[in-house]
Each structure stands twice: as structure tokens, then as C-alpha cells.
């Protein structure tokens, strides 16, 4: 199977650079809280960008293999159908919870590409990612000033989640390279 891989690789590399740059912000010019929030936002922007690229790759692969069910394709496209009060069917955008969306994107891109890969949920990094999502939710939807602080312990959680996510994406990227003709 011929796979267009460059968009995933370029998006991943660019967003990883943002995360790394956020870690290196100078406390002489920015508050520590600002740096921690910036790191958190950059990390989750990386996740969103990568899972978007994985979904695009899965959809393109499925056009060749047709291995996915219609509802799996709809979820990869983040769409659903609904019935309006006037009896007219229409397409709507699906709001997916982040952690299930991460797992779905990783697993179903692997499925569409016929790769032997599944997210292992028992790992420490996976648990850190679950906790990191709660931190993200708090600082991106603050209810007050107290919601804007990220503790050093939470930074450790975010760091572990970052390592886990990058490792999982790295495993998947390596499997893609091993099995498919990529450009």
C-alpha cells in the first residue's frame, strides 16, 4: 500500500518543536505559571494535530482496503447524522472526548493500515495521559484564577503523558515505515 506520510511527519515534528520550545521559555521574561500553561497548551495542540493527521491517513488507507465499517469511517471524519425537528436528516459534527479520541485515532489508523498495534491501557503513561486531560480541561476552561496554576507535580504528569503519547505515535510511525511504501 502506498501511504502519504509526509504530512503526519511534518505536523508531528513542528508541534513537537513547539512543545520543546515551551519548556525552554525564560522565567526572566515570562511567569512560571505562563510557561506551564503554554507547555500544556502546546502539548495538547500537538495531540490534536497528530490525531487529525492519523485520521486522514486512516481514511486514505481505507479507500484502498475498505476494512473499516461505515460508523468507524464516520467517527474518523468526526461526523454523524441527526434528525431535525422538521423531519429533515442532516449531518452534524461529532464532539469526541479527548482520551477516547486519542485511543481511537491510534488504534483505527493501525487497523486501516493493517498494522499489528493496539494502545495498551495499563501503562503508567496511559494513566498520566488520563490525568493530563483533566489538567488541560481545567486550564483551558478556567472557572477562576485558581484554575490557572499548574503545579510541579502536574508538570511531571504532563511530562509523563508527553513521553507516552510521543512513544505511541513513534511506534505507529515505525510500523508504517516497516510495512508500507511511504512518501
Protein backbone atom coordinates (compact mmCIF):
# COMPACT_ATOMS: atom_id res chain seq x y z
CA UNK A 1 0.00 0.00 0.00
CA UNK A 2 1.28 3.47 -0.90
CA UNK A 3 0.94 5.87 2.07
CA UNK A 4 1.26 9.68 2.07
CA UNK A 5 3.27 10.05 5.25
CA UNK A 6 4.94 13.45 4.98
CA UNK A 7 2.01 15.44 6.37
CA UNK A 8 1.94 13.36 9.57
CA UNK A 9 5.72 13.54 9.97
CA UNK A 10 5.89 17.30 9.29
CA UNK A 11 2.95 18.09 11.58
CA UNK A 12 4.37 15.88 14.34
CA UNK A 13 7.85 17.43 14.10
CA UNK A 14 6.57 21.02 14.02
CA UNK A 15 4.29 20.55 17.02
CA UNK A 16 6.93 18.64 19.00
CA UNK A 17 9.20 21.66 18.40
CA UNK A 18 6.51 23.90 19.90
CA UNK A 19 6.29 21.69 23.00
CA UNK A 20 10.07 21.71 23.39
CA UNK A 21 10.24 25.49 22.89
CA UNK A 22 7.55 25.99 25.55
CA UNK A 23 9.72 24.08 28.03
CA UNK A 24 12.61 26.47 27.36
CA UNK A 25 10.77 29.77 27.84
CA UNK A 26 12.78 32.13 30.02
CA UNK A 27 11.44 32.89 33.50
CA UNK A 28 13.18 36.28 33.23
CA UNK A 29 10.57 37.28 30.64
CA UNK A 30 7.56 35.08 31.47
CA UNK A 31 5.96 33.95 34.70
CA UNK A 32 6.39 30.33 35.67
CA UNK A 33 2.60 29.85 35.52
CA UNK A 34 2.51 31.24 31.98
CA UNK A 35 5.29 28.87 30.91
CA UNK A 36 3.50 25.87 32.42
CA UNK A 37 0.18 26.81 30.76
CA UNK A 38 1.95 27.41 27.44
CA UNK A 39 3.61 24.00 27.67
CA UNK A 40 0.25 22.38 28.45
CA UNK A 41 -1.48 24.11 25.53
CA UNK A 42 1.37 23.27 23.14
CA UNK A 43 1.31 19.63 24.24
CA UNK A 44 -2.41 19.28 23.62
CA UNK A 45 -2.17 21.15 20.31
CA UNK A 46 0.41 18.52 19.31
CA UNK A 47 -2.02 15.76 20.23
CA UNK A 48 -4.88 17.35 18.29
CA UNK A 49 -2.70 17.90 15.22
CA UNK A 50 -1.31 14.39 15.24
CA UNK A 51 -4.64 12.64 15.72
CA UNK A 52 -6.09 14.73 12.90
CA UNK A 53 -3.29 13.56 10.61
CA UNK A 54 -3.69 9.94 11.74
CA UNK A 55 -7.39 10.09 10.90
CA UNK A 56 -6.67 11.49 7.44
CA UNK A 57 -4.16 8.73 6.83
CA UNK A 58 -6.64 6.08 8.04
CA UNK A 59 -9.36 7.42 5.74
CA UNK A 60 -6.99 7.41 2.76
CA UNK A 61 -5.88 3.85 3.55
CA UNK A 62 -9.47 2.72 3.96
CA UNK A 63 -10.24 3.92 0.43
CA UNK A 64 -7.85 1.21 -0.74
CA UNK A 65 -8.65 -1.54 1.77
CA UNK A 66 -12.28 -0.88 2.72
CA UNK A 67 -11.61 -2.64 6.03
CA UNK A 68 -13.50 -0.16 8.23
CA UNK A 69 -17.21 -0.16 8.98
CA UNK A 70 -19.31 2.87 7.94
CA UNK A 71 -19.64 4.07 11.54
CA UNK A 72 -15.87 3.86 12.07
CA UNK A 73 -15.38 5.97 8.95
CA UNK A 74 -17.95 8.46 10.25
CA UNK A 75 -16.07 8.75 13.53
CA UNK A 76 -12.77 9.22 11.70
CA UNK A 77 -14.47 12.05 9.81
CA UNK A 78 -15.93 13.31 13.11
CA UNK A 79 -19.40 13.39 11.67
CA UNK A 80 -22.80 11.94 12.46
CA UNK A 81 -26.35 12.16 11.21
CA UNK A 82 -29.21 13.64 13.16
CA UNK A 83 -32.87 14.27 12.56
CA UNK A 84 -34.07 17.86 12.84
CA UNK A 85 -37.42 18.67 14.43
CA UNK A 86 -38.86 19.23 10.94
CA UNK A 87 -38.05 15.65 9.93
CA UNK A 88 -35.06 16.52 7.75
CA UNK A 89 -31.90 14.46 8.11
CA UNK A 90 -28.67 16.42 8.36
CA UNK A 91 -25.01 15.83 9.01
CA UNK A 92 -23.51 17.13 12.25
CA UNK A 93 -20.01 17.37 13.66
CA UNK A 94 -19.40 14.92 16.47
CA UNK A 95 -17.86 16.18 19.71
CA UNK A 96 -15.48 13.44 20.81
CA UNK A 97 -13.98 13.16 24.28
CA UNK A 98 -10.24 13.61 24.02
CA UNK A 99 -8.89 10.42 25.59
CA UNK A 100 -11.19 8.02 23.73
CA UNK A 101 -10.42 10.02 20.58
CA UNK A 102 -6.67 9.55 21.10
CA UNK A 103 -7.05 5.80 21.58
CA UNK A 104 -9.49 5.53 18.65
CA UNK A 105 -7.19 7.51 16.32
CA UNK A 106 -4.14 5.42 17.16
CA UNK A 107 -5.95 2.07 17.02
CA UNK A 108 -8.02 2.72 13.92
CA UNK A 109 -5.21 4.22 11.89
CA UNK A 110 -3.34 1.00 12.68
CA UNK A 111 -6.37 -1.06 11.66
CA UNK A 112 -6.81 0.81 8.37
CA UNK A 113 -3.11 0.37 7.63
CA UNK A 114 -3.16 -3.32 8.62
CA UNK A 115 -0.60 -2.86 11.41
CA UNK A 116 -0.15 -5.02 14.49
CA UNK A 117 -0.67 -2.25 17.03
CA UNK A 118 -3.05 -1.53 19.90
CA UNK A 119 -2.86 1.05 22.67
CA UNK A 120 -2.03 -0.67 25.95
CA UNK A 121 -4.15 0.98 28.60
CA UNK A 122 -2.43 -0.37 31.71
CA UNK A 123 0.79 1.58 31.30
CA UNK A 124 1.87 4.41 33.61
CA UNK A 125 1.99 6.80 30.66
CA UNK A 126 -1.59 5.99 29.74
CA UNK A 127 -2.72 6.83 33.28
CA UNK A 128 -0.67 10.01 33.15
CA UNK A 129 -2.49 10.93 29.93
CA UNK A 130 -5.85 10.46 31.64
CA UNK A 131 -4.71 12.79 34.43
CA UNK A 132 -3.17 15.24 31.94
CA UNK A 133 -6.51 15.61 30.15
CA UNK A 134 -8.06 16.78 33.44
CA UNK A 135 -5.29 19.37 33.82
CA UNK A 136 -5.86 20.56 30.26
CA UNK A 137 -9.60 20.82 30.79
CA UNK A 138 -9.07 22.92 33.91
CA UNK A 139 -6.70 25.45 32.37
CA UNK A 140 -8.48 25.73 29.01
CA UNK A 141 -11.88 26.20 30.66
CA UNK A 142 -10.93 28.10 33.84
CA UNK A 143 -13.64 28.88 36.37
CA UNK A 144 -11.37 31.31 38.19
CA UNK A 145 -7.75 32.33 38.76
CA UNK A 146 -7.08 29.27 40.93
CA UNK A 147 -7.72 27.06 37.89
CA UNK A 148 -4.80 28.62 36.02
CA UNK A 149 -1.95 27.27 38.13
CA UNK A 150 -0.14 24.10 37.14
CA UNK A 151 1.82 22.55 40.00
CA UNK A 152 5.22 20.90 39.67
CA UNK A 153 3.54 17.53 40.32
CA UNK A 154 1.13 18.24 37.47
CA UNK A 155 4.07 19.14 35.23
CA UNK A 156 5.50 15.69 35.98
CA UNK A 157 2.17 14.15 34.96
CA UNK A 158 2.16 16.22 31.76
CA UNK A 159 5.75 15.20 31.05
CA UNK A 160 4.94 11.51 31.51
CA UNK A 161 1.88 11.88 29.28
CA UNK A 162 4.01 13.63 26.66
CA UNK A 163 6.54 10.80 26.68
CA UNK A 164 3.75 8.19 26.44
CA UNK A 165 1.99 9.90 23.53
CA UNK A 166 5.19 10.53 21.58
CA UNK A 167 6.29 6.93 22.17
CA UNK A 168 2.94 5.57 20.94
CA UNK A 169 3.00 7.75 17.83
CA UNK A 170 6.64 6.78 17.27
CA UNK A 171 5.77 3.07 17.45
CA UNK A 172 2.98 3.58 14.95
CA UNK A 173 5.18 5.62 12.60
CA UNK A 174 7.88 2.95 12.70
CA UNK A 175 5.34 0.24 11.89
CA UNK A 176 4.04 2.29 8.98
CA UNK A 177 7.58 2.67 7.62
CA UNK A 178 8.29 -1.05 8.01
CA UNK A 179 5.12 -2.25 6.27
CA UNK A 180 4.27 0.36 3.64
CA UNK A 181 5.73 2.38 0.82
CA UNK A 182 5.71 5.89 2.29
CA UNK A 183 6.33 9.30 0.77
